[in-house]
Amino acid sequence: MSGYSSIEWTEASWNPVTGCSKVSPGCRNCYAERMAKRLMATGHPHYKAGFHVATHDDALTVPLCWKRPRMIFVNSMSDLFHEDVPVEFIQKVFEVMRQASRHTFQVLTKRSARLVRLNPEIDWPENVWMGVSIETERYLFRADHLRETGATIRFISFEPLLGPMPELDLTGIDWVIAGGESGPGARPMEKSWAIGIKEQCVRAGVPFFFKQWGGVWKKRAGRFLEGQEWNEMPRAAARSG
């Protein structure tokens, strides 16, 4: 699966890795797992194993063929730092991102412990944004791990947001996304949780992007938070310190 993406904060997706496994409550209603099962049923060659982790050498060079610069979400159907993805393959992905310098790549993981462990083995290109996904206050340690990486732009995705985040440390964080869960079995997000994150971002001067309220019919719920859409993106200039 590569090409146009309907995700609000990116333009395209690139999946040199497919498949994943659940590591925390945010994974319970994984959209990628549902999609992988459908793709396996249609005979898609990258989903012969369903949602089991698989690497795809034939997909590695895809971004090099895209001439127009674009924002690319890496592995929307997996987690690049999954324990079953070899270090050597991760390094190949980073090398392609370096070569495709006209694009901006957004990498998102829940496996922050492996991310920080592999950080010394990664040569971080300036066009790679690194993020962690955090669903409840219990997993804020992922942001601490993120701060230890050499990424130029670091971001947090609070999606699905499953609880309040009353005391965020946004030091060294360049961007925050928040959103409710969507699809079958979606768990509700309270308005105060999203507003609390937004207000902390405003105070800290961190760009804030409100992705969605979510729910089974997410388009009906819309994207307005306190009467407006929040579509802020990271500043292009590198962070000092």
C-alpha atoms as a PDB file:
ATOM      1  CA  MET A   1       0.000   0.000   0.000  1.00  0.00           C
ATOM      2  CA  SER A   2       1.693   3.182  -1.160  1.00  0.00           C
ATOM      3  CA  GLY A   3       0.450   6.465  -2.553  1.00  0.00           C
ATOM      4  CA  TYR A   4      -2.234   8.966  -1.637  1.00  0.00           C
ATOM      5  CA  SER A   5      -3.322   9.049   1.998  1.00  0.00           C
ATOM      6  CA  SER A   6      -6.598  10.310   3.478  1.00  0.00           C
ATOM      7  CA  ILE A   7      -4.897  10.919   6.841  1.00  0.00           C
ATOM      8  CA  GLU A   8      -5.353  14.605   7.578  1.00  0.00           C
ATOM      9  CA  TRP A   9      -1.768  15.408   8.603  1.00  0.00           C
ATOM     10  CA  THR A  10       0.048  13.794   5.675  1.00  0.00           C
ATOM     11  CA  GLU A  11      -0.186  13.473   1.888  1.00  0.00           C
ATOM     12  CA  ALA A  12       0.976   9.960   1.069  1.00  0.00           C
ATOM     13  CA  SER A  13       1.786   6.637   2.685  1.00  0.00           C
ATOM     14  CA  TRP A  14       4.711   4.303   2.038  1.00  0.00           C
ATOM     15  CA  ASN A  15       4.756   0.800   3.441  1.00  0.00           C
ATOM     16  CA  PRO A  16       8.085  -1.039   3.098  1.00  0.00           C
ATOM     17  CA  VAL A  17       6.914  -2.999   6.168  1.00  0.00           C
ATOM     18  CA  THR A  18       3.442  -4.442   6.722  1.00  0.00           C
ATOM     19  CA  GLY A  19       1.913  -6.209   9.696  1.00  0.00           C
ATOM     20  CA  CYS A  20       2.191  -5.585  13.408  1.00  0.00           C
ATOM     21  CA  SER A  21       1.161  -6.852  16.859  1.00  0.00           C
ATOM     22  CA  LYS A  22      -0.567  -5.242  19.824  1.00  0.00           C
ATOM     23  CA  VAL A  23       1.545  -3.646  22.558  1.00  0.00           C
ATOM     24  CA  SER A  24      -0.848  -1.359  24.484  1.00  0.00           C
ATOM     25  CA  PRO A  25      -4.532  -0.349  24.783  1.00  0.00           C
ATOM     26  CA  GLY A  26      -4.362   1.991  21.801  1.00  0.00           C
ATOM     27  CA  CYS A  27      -3.904  -1.052  19.556  1.00  0.00           C
ATOM     28  CA  ARG A  28      -7.188  -2.724  20.480  1.00  0.00           C
ATOM     29  CA  ASN A  29      -9.196  -1.537  17.456  1.00  0.00           C
ATOM     30  CA  CYS A  30      -6.304  -1.249  15.006  1.00  0.00           C
ATOM     31  CA  TYR A  31      -7.500   0.034  11.620  1.00  0.00           C
ATOM     32  CA  ALA A  32      -4.416  -1.394   9.888  1.00  0.00           C
ATOM     33  CA  GLU A  33      -5.254  -4.900  11.081  1.00  0.00           C
ATOM     34  CA  ARG A  34      -8.771  -4.644   9.646  1.00  0.00           C
ATOM     35  CA  MET A  35      -7.432  -3.337   6.349  1.00  0.00           C
ATOM     36  CA  ALA A  36      -4.731  -6.008   6.139  1.00  0.00           C
ATOM     37  CA  LYS A  37      -7.315  -8.760   6.437  1.00  0.00           C
ATOM     38  CA  ARG A  38      -9.323  -7.234   3.595  1.00  0.00           C
ATOM     39  CA  LEU A  39      -6.214  -6.924   1.426  1.00  0.00           C
ATOM     40  CA  MET A  40      -5.230 -10.512   2.123  1.00  0.00           C
ATOM     41  CA  ALA A  41      -8.690 -11.608   0.987  1.00  0.00           C
ATOM     42  CA  THR A  42      -8.233  -9.730  -2.311  1.00  0.00           C
ATOM     43  CA  GLY A  43      -4.891 -11.449  -2.940  1.00  0.00           C
ATOM     44  CA  HIS A  44      -2.630  -8.424  -2.461  1.00  0.00           C
ATOM     45  CA  PRO A  45       0.952  -9.798  -2.643  1.00  0.00           C
ATOM     46  CA  HIS A  46       2.167  -7.836   0.399  1.00  0.00           C
ATOM     47  CA  TYR A  47      -0.535  -9.321   2.617  1.00  0.00           C
ATOM     48  CA  LYS A  48      -0.186 -13.038   1.955  1.00  0.00           C
ATOM     49  CA  ALA A  49       0.575 -13.438   5.655  1.00  0.00           C
ATOM     50  CA  GLY A  50      -2.266 -11.165   6.718  1.00  0.00           C
ATOM     51  CA  PHE A  51      -1.163  -8.930   9.568  1.00  0.00           C
ATOM     52  CA  HIS A  52       2.048 -10.783  10.414  1.00  0.00           C
ATOM     53  CA  VAL A  53       5.132  -8.586  10.070  1.00  0.00           C
ATOM     54  CA  ALA A  54       6.750  -8.708   6.639  1.00  0.00           C
ATOM     55  CA  THR A  55       9.408  -6.550   4.972  1.00  0.00           C
ATOM     56  CA  HIS A  56       9.196  -5.676   1.274  1.00  0.00           C
ATOM     57  CA  ASP A  57      12.387  -4.935  -0.618  1.00  0.00           C
ATOM     58  CA  ASP A  58      10.334  -4.226  -3.744  1.00  0.00           C
ATOM     59  CA  ALA A  59       8.703  -1.264  -1.970  1.00  0.00           C
ATOM     60  CA  LEU A  60      11.905   0.361  -0.736  1.00  0.00           C
ATOM     61  CA  THR A  61      12.524   2.602  -3.746  1.00  0.00           C
ATOM     62  CA  VAL A  62       8.949   3.826  -4.210  1.00  0.00           C
ATOM     63  CA  PRO A  63       9.553   7.373  -2.833  1.00  0.00           C
ATOM     64  CA  LEU A  64      12.484   7.824  -5.207  1.00  0.00           C
ATOM     65  CA  CYS A  65      10.003   7.578  -8.085  1.00  0.00           C
ATOM     66  CA  TRP A  66       7.751  10.356  -6.777  1.00  0.00           C
ATOM     67  CA  LYS A  67       8.995  13.553  -8.408  1.00  0.00           C
ATOM     68  CA  ARG A  68       6.759  16.067  -6.635  1.00  0.00           C
ATOM     69  CA  PRO A  69       7.841  16.763  -3.044  1.00  0.00           C
ATOM     70  CA  ARG A  70       5.301  15.428  -0.588  1.00  0.00           C
ATOM     71  CA  MET A  71       4.697  14.628   3.059  1.00  0.00           C
ATOM     72  CA  ILE A  72       4.950  10.837   3.492  1.00  0.00           C
ATOM     73  CA  PHE A  73       3.734   8.754   6.420  1.00  0.00           C
ATOM     74  CA  VAL A  74       6.076   5.772   6.739  1.00  0.00           C
ATOM     75  CA  ASN A  75       4.444   2.424   7.535  1.00  0.00           C
ATOM     76  CA  SER A  76       0.833   3.372   8.062  1.00  0.00           C
ATOM     77  CA  MET A  77       0.247  -0.397   8.017  1.00  0.00           C
ATOM     78  CA  SER A  78       2.956  -1.340  10.501  1.00  0.00           C
ATOM     79  CA  ASP A  79       5.546  -0.069  12.990  1.00  0.00           C
ATOM     80  CA  LEU A  80       9.060   0.429  11.632  1.00  0.00           C
ATOM     81  CA  PHE A  81      10.525  -0.323  15.066  1.00  0.00           C
ATOM     82  CA  HIS A  82       8.640  -3.575  15.591  1.00  0.00           C
ATOM     83  CA  GLU A  83      10.910  -6.205  17.133  1.00  0.00           C
ATOM     84  CA  ASP A  84      10.499  -8.423  14.048  1.00  0.00           C
ATOM     85  CA  VAL A  85      11.904  -5.817  11.663  1.00  0.00           C
ATOM     86  CA  PRO A  86      15.675  -6.368  11.275  1.00  0.00           C
ATOM     87  CA  VAL A  87      17.970  -3.471  12.114  1.00  0.00           C
ATOM     88  CA  GLU A  88      19.520  -3.771   8.671  1.00  0.00           C
ATOM     89  CA  PHE A  89      16.137  -3.229   7.018  1.00  0.00           C
ATOM     90  CA  ILE A  90      15.401  -0.207   9.205  1.00  0.00           C
ATOM     91  CA  GLN A  91      18.720   1.260   8.103  1.00  0.00           C
ATOM     92  CA  LYS A  92      17.788   0.644   4.453  1.00  0.00           C
ATOM     93  CA  VAL A  93      14.550   2.575   4.984  1.00  0.00           C
ATOM     94  CA  PHE A  94      16.479   5.484   6.491  1.00  0.00           C
ATOM     95  CA  GLU A  95      18.936   5.456   3.595  1.00  0.00           C
ATOM     96  CA  VAL A  96      16.066   5.721   1.091  1.00  0.00           C
ATOM     97  CA  MET A  97      14.621   8.627   3.093  1.00  0.00           C
ATOM     98  CA  ARG A  98      18.002  10.329   2.970  1.00  0.00           C
ATOM     99  CA  GLN A  99      18.229   9.866  -0.793  1.00  0.00           C
ATOM    100  CA  ALA A 100      14.674  11.158  -1.290  1.00  0.00           C
ATOM    101  CA  SER A 101      15.560  14.495   0.283  1.00  0.00           C
ATOM    102  CA  ARG A 102      12.829  16.378  -1.613  1.00  0.00           C
ATOM    103  CA  HIS A 103      10.220  14.610   0.534  1.00  0.00           C
ATOM    104  CA  THR A 104       9.405  14.918   4.232  1.00  0.00           C
ATOM    105  CA  PHE A 105       8.973  11.574   6.007  1.00  0.00           C
ATOM    106  CA  GLN A 106       6.883  11.042   9.143  1.00  0.00           C
ATOM    107  CA  VAL A 107       7.694   7.934  11.192  1.00  0.00           C
ATOM    108  CA  LEU A 108       5.461   6.974  14.128  1.00  0.00           C
ATOM    109  CA  THR A 109       6.054   4.208  16.675  1.00  0.00           C
ATOM    110  CA  LYS A 110       4.702   2.791  19.917  1.00  0.00           C
ATOM    111  CA  ARG A 111       7.935   0.857  20.417  1.00  0.00           C
ATOM    112  CA  SER A 112       9.926   3.735  21.835  1.00  0.00           C
ATOM    113  CA  ALA A 113      12.251   1.499  23.871  1.00  0.00           C
ATOM    114  CA  ARG A 114      13.585  -0.081  20.682  1.00  0.00           C
ATOM    115  CA  LEU A 115      13.682   3.318  19.002  1.00  0.00           C
ATOM    116  CA  VAL A 116      15.997   4.745  21.641  1.00  0.00           C
ATOM    117  CA  ARG A 117      18.058   1.547  21.756  1.00  0.00           C
ATOM    118  CA  LEU A 118      18.695   1.736  17.999  1.00  0.00           C
ATOM    119  CA  ASN A 119      19.229   5.504  17.970  1.00  0.00           C
ATOM    120  CA  PRO A 120      23.061   5.225  17.881  1.00  0.00           C
ATOM    121  CA  GLU A 121      22.778   3.009  14.793  1.00  0.00           C
ATOM    122  CA  ILE A 122      20.623   5.487  12.875  1.00  0.00           C
ATOM    123  CA  ASP A 123      22.010   8.311  10.761  1.00  0.00           C
ATOM    124  CA  TRP A 124      19.132  10.801  11.065  1.00  0.00           C
ATOM    125  CA  PRO A 125      18.350  12.742   7.860  1.00  0.00           C
ATOM    126  CA  GLU A 126      16.971  16.258   8.352  1.00  0.00           C
ATOM    127  CA  ASN A 127      13.859  15.412   6.318  1.00  0.00           C
ATOM    128  CA  VAL A 128      12.696  12.707   8.764  1.00  0.00           C
ATOM    129  CA  TRP A 129      10.202  13.577  11.495  1.00  0.00           C
ATOM    130  CA  MET A 130      10.117  11.023  14.318  1.00  0.00           C
ATOM    131  CA  GLY A 131       7.048  10.557  16.467  1.00  0.00           C
ATOM    132  CA  VAL A 132       5.622   8.363  19.207  1.00  0.00           C
ATOM    133  CA  SER A 133       2.012   7.383  19.748  1.00  0.00           C
ATOM    134  CA  ILE A 134       0.644   7.860  23.282  1.00  0.00           C
ATOM    135  CA  GLU A 135      -2.913   6.918  24.265  1.00  0.00           C
ATOM    136  CA  THR A 136      -2.983   7.381  28.045  1.00  0.00           C
ATOM    137  CA  GLU A 137      -0.856   9.059  30.696  1.00  0.00           C
ATOM    138  CA  ARG A 138       0.710   5.684  31.522  1.00  0.00           C
ATOM    139  CA  TYR A 139       2.636   5.749  28.237  1.00  0.00           C
ATOM    140  CA  LEU A 140       4.164   9.221  28.496  1.00  0.00           C
ATOM    141  CA  PHE A 141       7.548   7.543  28.934  1.00  0.00           C
ATOM    142  CA  ARG A 142       7.510   7.159  25.139  1.00  0.00           C
ATOM    143  CA  ALA A 143       8.019  10.930  24.867  1.00  0.00           C
ATOM    144  CA  ASP A 144      11.052  10.669  27.163  1.00  0.00           C
ATOM    145  CA  HIS A 145      12.521   8.049  24.830  1.00  0.00           C
ATOM    146  CA  LEU A 146      11.755  10.237  21.809  1.00  0.00           C
ATOM    147  CA  ARG A 147      13.681  13.138  23.334  1.00  0.00           C
ATOM    148  CA  GLU A 148      16.796  10.957  23.407  1.00  0.00           C
ATOM    149  CA  THR A 149      16.828  10.458  19.635  1.00  0.00           C
ATOM    150  CA  GLY A 150      18.744  12.441  17.059  1.00  0.00           C
ATOM    151  CA  ALA A 151      15.663  13.334  15.015  1.00  0.00           C
ATOM    152  CA  THR A 152      15.495  16.948  13.841  1.00  0.00           C
ATOM    153  CA  ILE A 153      11.710  17.104  14.288  1.00  0.00           C
ATOM    154  CA  ARG A 154      10.055  15.144  17.117  1.00  0.00           C
ATOM    155  CA  PHE A 155       6.310  14.790  17.509  1.00  0.00           C
ATOM    156  CA  ILE A 156       3.660  13.077  19.617  1.00  0.00           C
ATOM    157  CA  SER A 157       0.415  11.590  18.342  1.00  0.00           C
ATOM    158  CA  PHE A 158      -2.224  11.350  21.071  1.00  0.00           C
ATOM    159  CA  GLU A 159      -4.456   9.071  19.002  1.00  0.00           C
ATOM    160  CA  PRO A 160      -6.526   7.304  19.958  1.00  0.00           C
ATOM    161  CA  LEU A 161      -6.739   9.624  22.962  1.00  0.00           C
ATOM    162  CA  LEU A 162      -8.112   7.417  25.748  1.00  0.00           C
ATOM    163  CA  GLY A 163      -7.593   9.595  28.811  1.00  0.00           C
ATOM    164  CA  PRO A 164      -6.567  13.025  30.104  1.00  0.00           C
ATOM    165  CA  MET A 165      -3.004  14.343  29.859  1.00  0.00           C
ATOM    166  CA  PRO A 166      -2.962  16.931  32.660  1.00  0.00           C
ATOM    167  CA  GLU A 167       0.792  17.453  32.999  1.00  0.00           C
ATOM    168  CA  LEU A 168       2.628  17.245  29.706  1.00  0.00           C
ATOM    169  CA  ASP A 169       6.344  17.844  29.378  1.00  0.00           C
ATOM    170  CA  LEU A 170       6.641  19.295  25.888  1.00  0.00           C
ATOM    171  CA  THR A 171      10.342  20.066  26.160  1.00  0.00           C
ATOM    172  CA  GLY A 172      12.047  19.106  22.911  1.00  0.00           C
ATOM    173  CA  ILE A 173       8.728  18.340  21.189  1.00  0.00           C
ATOM    174  CA  ASP A 174       8.049  20.140  17.902  1.00  0.00           C
ATOM    175  CA  TRP A 175       4.503  19.056  17.094  1.00  0.00           C
ATOM    176  CA  VAL A 176       1.479  17.475  18.757  1.00  0.00           C
ATOM    177  CA  ILE A 177      -1.427  15.623  17.116  1.00  0.00           C
ATOM    178  CA  ALA A 178      -4.559  14.625  19.016  1.00  0.00           C
ATOM    179  CA  GLY A 179      -7.619  12.688  17.965  1.00  0.00           C
ATOM    180  CA  GLY A 180     -10.318  10.271  18.982  1.00  0.00           C
ATOM    181  CA  GLU A 181     -10.598   6.650  17.947  1.00  0.00           C
ATOM    182  CA  SER A 182     -12.634   5.845  14.852  1.00  0.00           C
ATOM    183  CA  GLY A 183     -14.236   2.782  13.310  1.00  0.00           C
ATOM    184  CA  PRO A 184     -16.032  -0.243  14.763  1.00  0.00           C
ATOM    185  CA  GLY A 185     -15.934  -0.347  18.565  1.00  0.00           C
ATOM    186  CA  ALA A 186     -14.469   3.159  18.822  1.00  0.00           C
ATOM    187  CA  ARG A 187     -13.963   4.284  22.418  1.00  0.00           C
ATOM    188  CA  PRO A 188     -15.177   7.827  23.198  1.00  0.00           C
ATOM    189  CA  MET A 189     -12.884  10.781  23.730  1.00  0.00           C
ATOM    190  CA  GLU A 190     -13.941  13.454  26.213  1.00  0.00           C
ATOM    191  CA  LYS A 191     -13.847  17.052  25.051  1.00  0.00           C
ATOM    192  CA  SER A 192     -11.846  18.149  28.099  1.00  0.00           C
ATOM    193  CA  TRP A 193      -9.016  15.762  27.210  1.00  0.00           C
ATOM    194  CA  ALA A 194      -8.500  17.332  23.775  1.00  0.00           C
ATOM    195  CA  ILE A 195      -8.859  20.890  25.078  1.00  0.00           C
ATOM    196  CA  GLY A 196      -6.363  20.177  27.851  1.00  0.00           C
ATOM    197  CA  ILE A 197      -3.716  19.071  25.351  1.00  0.00           C
ATOM    198  CA  LYS A 198      -4.429  22.005  23.067  1.00  0.00           C
ATOM    199  CA  GLU A 199      -4.113  24.528  25.897  1.00  0.00           C
ATOM    200  CA  GLN A 200      -0.789  23.069  27.024  1.00  0.00           C
ATOM    201  CA  CYS A 201       0.518  23.261  23.449  1.00  0.00           C
ATOM    202  CA  VAL A 202      -0.543  26.900  23.169  1.00  0.00           C
ATOM    203  CA  ARG A 203       1.233  27.772  26.427  1.00  0.00           C
ATOM    204  CA  ALA A 204       4.389  25.945  25.336  1.00  0.00           C
ATOM    205  CA  GLY A 205       4.335  27.361  21.809  1.00  0.00           C
ATOM    206  CA  VAL A 206       4.115  23.873  20.263  1.00  0.00           C
ATOM    207  CA  PRO A 207       2.114  23.521  17.006  1.00  0.00           C
ATOM    208  CA  PHE A 208      -1.123  21.577  17.578  1.00  0.00           C
ATOM    209  CA  PHE A 209      -3.108  19.506  15.082  1.00  0.00           C
ATOM    210  CA  PHE A 210      -6.569  18.227  15.999  1.00  0.00           C
ATOM    211  CA  LYS A 211      -7.197  15.253  13.729  1.00  0.00           C
ATOM    212  CA  GLN A 212     -10.740  14.180  14.567  1.00  0.00           C
ATOM    213  CA  TRP A 213     -13.375  13.492  17.215  1.00  0.00           C
ATOM    214  CA  GLY A 214     -13.605   9.941  15.902  1.00  0.00           C
ATOM    215  CA  GLY A 215     -16.452   7.556  16.535  1.00  0.00           C
ATOM    216  CA  VAL A 216     -18.043   5.031  14.218  1.00  0.00           C
ATOM    217  CA  TRP A 217     -18.991   7.844  11.819  1.00  0.00           C
ATOM    218  CA  LYS A 218     -15.948  10.110  12.194  1.00  0.00           C
ATOM    219  CA  LYS A 219     -16.825  12.418   9.280  1.00  0.00           C
ATOM    220  CA  ARG A 220     -20.118  13.310  10.918  1.00  0.00           C
ATOM    221  CA  ALA A 221     -18.304  14.177  14.148  1.00  0.00           C
ATOM    222  CA  GLY A 222     -15.966  16.494  12.262  1.00  0.00           C
ATOM    223  CA  ARG A 223     -12.698  18.146  13.272  1.00  0.00           C
ATOM    224  CA  PHE A 224     -13.745  21.357  14.996  1.00  0.00           C
ATOM    225  CA  LEU A 225     -12.410  21.956  18.487  1.00  0.00           C
ATOM    226  CA  GLU A 226     -13.776  25.011  20.293  1.00  0.00           C
ATOM    227  CA  GLY A 227     -15.230  26.354  17.079  1.00  0.00           C
ATOM    228  CA  GLN A 228     -12.243  25.979  14.773  1.00  0.00           C
ATOM    229  CA  GLU A 229      -9.966  23.540  13.007  1.00  0.00           C
ATOM    230  CA  TRP A 230      -6.452  23.203  14.387  1.00  0.00           C
ATOM    231  CA  ASN A 231      -4.096  22.395  11.521  1.00  0.00           C
ATOM    232  CA  GLU A 232      -0.774  23.687  12.833  1.00  0.00           C
ATOM    233  CA  MET A 233       2.422  22.026  11.582  1.00  0.00           C
ATOM    234  CA  PRO A 234       6.024  22.040  12.828  1.00  0.00           C
ATOM    235  CA  ARG A 235       8.222  24.954  11.954  1.00  0.00           C
ATOM    236  CA  ALA A 236      10.718  24.117   9.240  1.00  0.00           C
ATOM    237  CA  ALA A 237      13.664  25.516  11.190  1.00  0.00           C
ATOM    238  CA  ALA A 238      15.508  23.045  13.391  1.00  0.00           C
ATOM    239  CA  ARG A 239      15.043  23.319  17.131  1.00  0.00           C
ATOM    240  CA  SER A 240      17.913  24.788  19.095  1.00  0.00           C
ATOM    241  CA  GLY A 241      19.244  22.915  22.112  1.00  0.00           C
END
